[in-house]
Amino acid sequence: QVQLVESGGGLVQAGGSLRLSCATSGRTFGDYAMGWFRQAPGKEREFVAAIRKSGGSLYYADSVKGRFTISRDNAKNTVYLQMNNLKPEDTAVYYCAATPLLVTQTSLQVPSSYNYWGQGTQVTVSS
């Protein structure tokens, strides 16, 4: 069992930055690939970014590529999402998720591939 707790959300103006953190506890953090997803009101949960267990492979949704950076610190059992040049369309609840499975890049972009989820943190970008 893995527990995930997100933090770092808030209200920011367009063009601003935020850094989300996802602290984990429970099983060995290094055994899990980690992902960030987001869900806006009335929309389905969508993939944002993912990072493999070692941190050697990173994946991004096209909508955030070049603006967001995912990273992990296995010593601190934490995964981060640095979000720069934020846009109003980035407004959503952001969730981190963990999976112990060795899955394909495509599968890492699908919510059902993840076993554990945090409670989410709200990000609101004003225009």
Protein backbone atom coordinates (compact mmCIF):
# COMPACT_ATOMS: atom_id res chain seq x y z
CA GLN A 1 0.00 0.00 0.00
CA VAL A 2 1.20 3.48 -0.90
CA GLN A 3 -0.19 6.75 0.42
CA LEU A 4 0.11 9.86 -1.74
CA VAL A 5 -0.35 13.46 -0.60
CA GLU A 6 -0.20 16.35 -3.07
CA SER A 7 0.58 19.94 -2.17
CA GLY A 8 1.58 23.18 -3.84
CA GLY A 9 -1.59 24.09 -5.68
CA GLY A 10 -3.10 27.55 -5.59
CA LEU A 11 -4.21 30.59 -7.54
CA VAL A 12 -1.78 32.13 -10.00
CA GLN A 13 -1.97 34.58 -12.87
CA ALA A 14 -1.43 33.48 -16.43
CA GLY A 15 2.27 33.26 -17.17
CA GLY A 16 3.10 32.40 -13.59
CA SER A 17 4.58 29.27 -12.08
CA LEU A 18 3.75 26.69 -9.45
CA ARG A 19 5.52 23.59 -8.19
CA LEU A 20 3.42 20.67 -7.10
CA SER A 21 4.78 18.05 -4.74
CA CYS A 22 3.53 14.55 -4.08
CA ALA A 23 4.88 12.97 -0.92
CA THR A 24 4.56 9.23 -0.62
CA SER A 25 4.70 6.77 2.25
CA GLY A 26 4.32 3.08 2.60
CA ARG A 27 6.12 0.84 0.18
CA THR A 28 9.49 1.65 -1.38
CA PHE A 29 9.06 4.75 -3.51
CA GLY A 30 11.68 3.61 -5.97
CA ASP A 31 9.54 0.61 -6.91
CA TYR A 32 6.88 2.82 -8.50
CA ALA A 33 6.50 4.74 -11.70
CA MET A 34 4.73 8.01 -10.97
CA GLY A 35 2.30 10.09 -12.96
CA TRP A 36 0.50 13.40 -12.79
CA PHE A 37 -3.05 13.75 -14.09
CA ARG A 38 -5.54 16.59 -13.98
CA GLN A 39 -9.28 16.95 -14.12
CA ALA A 40 -11.18 20.10 -14.95
CA PRO A 41 -14.89 20.49 -14.10
CA GLY A 42 -17.06 18.51 -16.48
CA LYS A 43 -14.08 16.85 -18.15
CA GLU A 44 -12.41 13.49 -17.89
CA ARG A 45 -9.18 12.99 -16.03
CA GLU A 46 -6.30 13.55 -18.42
CA PHE A 47 -2.64 12.65 -18.47
CA VAL A 48 -0.11 15.38 -17.75
CA ALA A 49 3.28 13.75 -17.15
CA ALA A 50 4.92 10.52 -16.01
CA ILE A 51 8.32 9.37 -14.82
CA ARG A 52 9.69 5.86 -14.59
CA LYS A 53 11.08 4.30 -11.41
CA SER A 54 14.67 5.33 -12.05
CA GLY A 55 13.73 8.78 -13.30
CA GLY A 56 15.47 8.06 -16.57
CA SER A 57 12.39 8.33 -18.79
CA LEU A 58 9.98 11.25 -18.77
CA TYR A 59 6.74 11.61 -20.69
CA TYR A 60 4.51 14.63 -21.23
CA ALA A 61 1.17 15.47 -22.74
CA ASP A 62 1.56 17.65 -25.82
CA SER A 63 -0.40 20.42 -24.11
CA VAL A 64 2.25 20.85 -21.39
CA LYS A 65 5.44 19.91 -23.21
CA GLY A 66 8.05 22.64 -22.85
CA ARG A 67 6.22 24.23 -19.91
CA PHE A 68 5.98 21.49 -17.28
CA THR A 69 8.76 19.35 -15.84
CA ILE A 70 8.30 16.16 -13.83
CA SER A 71 11.04 14.99 -11.50
CA ARG A 72 11.48 12.69 -8.54
CA ASP A 73 13.69 12.50 -5.50
CA ASN A 74 13.81 8.88 -4.41
CA ALA A 75 15.66 9.83 -1.22
CA LYS A 76 12.74 12.07 -0.21
CA ASN A 77 10.02 9.76 -1.56
CA THR A 78 8.61 12.69 -3.49
CA VAL A 79 7.66 13.46 -7.06
CA TYR A 80 7.39 17.03 -8.34
CA LEU A 81 5.67 18.85 -11.16
CA GLN A 82 7.20 22.22 -12.00
CA MET A 83 4.67 24.21 -13.99
CA ASN A 84 5.83 27.33 -15.84
CA ASN A 85 4.06 29.75 -18.17
CA LEU A 86 0.71 28.62 -16.82
CA LYS A 87 -2.41 29.22 -18.89
CA PRO A 88 -6.07 29.47 -17.87
CA GLU A 89 -6.69 26.13 -19.57
CA ASP A 90 -4.33 24.51 -17.05
CA THR A 91 -6.93 25.13 -14.36
CA ALA A 92 -7.88 21.77 -12.83
CA VAL A 93 -7.47 19.50 -9.85
CA TYR A 94 -4.09 17.83 -10.17
CA TYR A 95 -3.56 14.29 -8.97
CA CYS A 96 -0.45 12.22 -8.55
CA ALA A 97 -0.57 8.48 -9.02
CA ALA A 98 1.69 5.48 -8.58
CA THR A 99 2.04 2.13 -10.28
CA PRO A 100 4.41 -0.73 -9.49
CA LEU A 101 3.88 -2.25 -12.92
CA LEU A 102 6.31 -2.14 -15.78
CA VAL A 103 4.04 -0.73 -18.43
CA THR A 104 4.46 0.84 -21.82
CA GLN A 105 4.74 4.55 -22.44
CA THR A 106 1.19 4.51 -23.78
CA SER A 107 -0.09 2.75 -20.67
CA LEU A 108 1.56 5.30 -18.40
CA GLN A 109 -0.80 7.87 -19.93
CA VAL A 110 -3.91 5.95 -18.90
CA PRO A 111 -5.43 6.41 -15.42
CA SER A 112 -6.40 2.75 -15.12
CA SER A 113 -2.71 1.76 -15.19
CA TYR A 114 -2.20 3.30 -11.75
CA ASN A 115 -2.97 1.56 -8.49
CA TYR A 116 -2.70 4.43 -6.05
CA TRP A 117 -3.92 8.03 -6.14
CA GLY A 118 -3.62 11.14 -4.04
CA GLN A 119 -6.55 13.32 -3.04
CA GLY A 120 -5.69 16.08 -5.51
CA THR A 121 -4.66 19.73 -5.29
CA GLN A 122 -6.47 22.61 -6.99
CA VAL A 123 -4.62 24.76 -9.50
CA THR A 124 -6.41 27.86 -10.73
CA VAL A 125 -4.90 30.11 -13.38
CA SER A 126 -6.52 33.50 -13.87
CA SER A 127 -6.36 35.39 -17.15
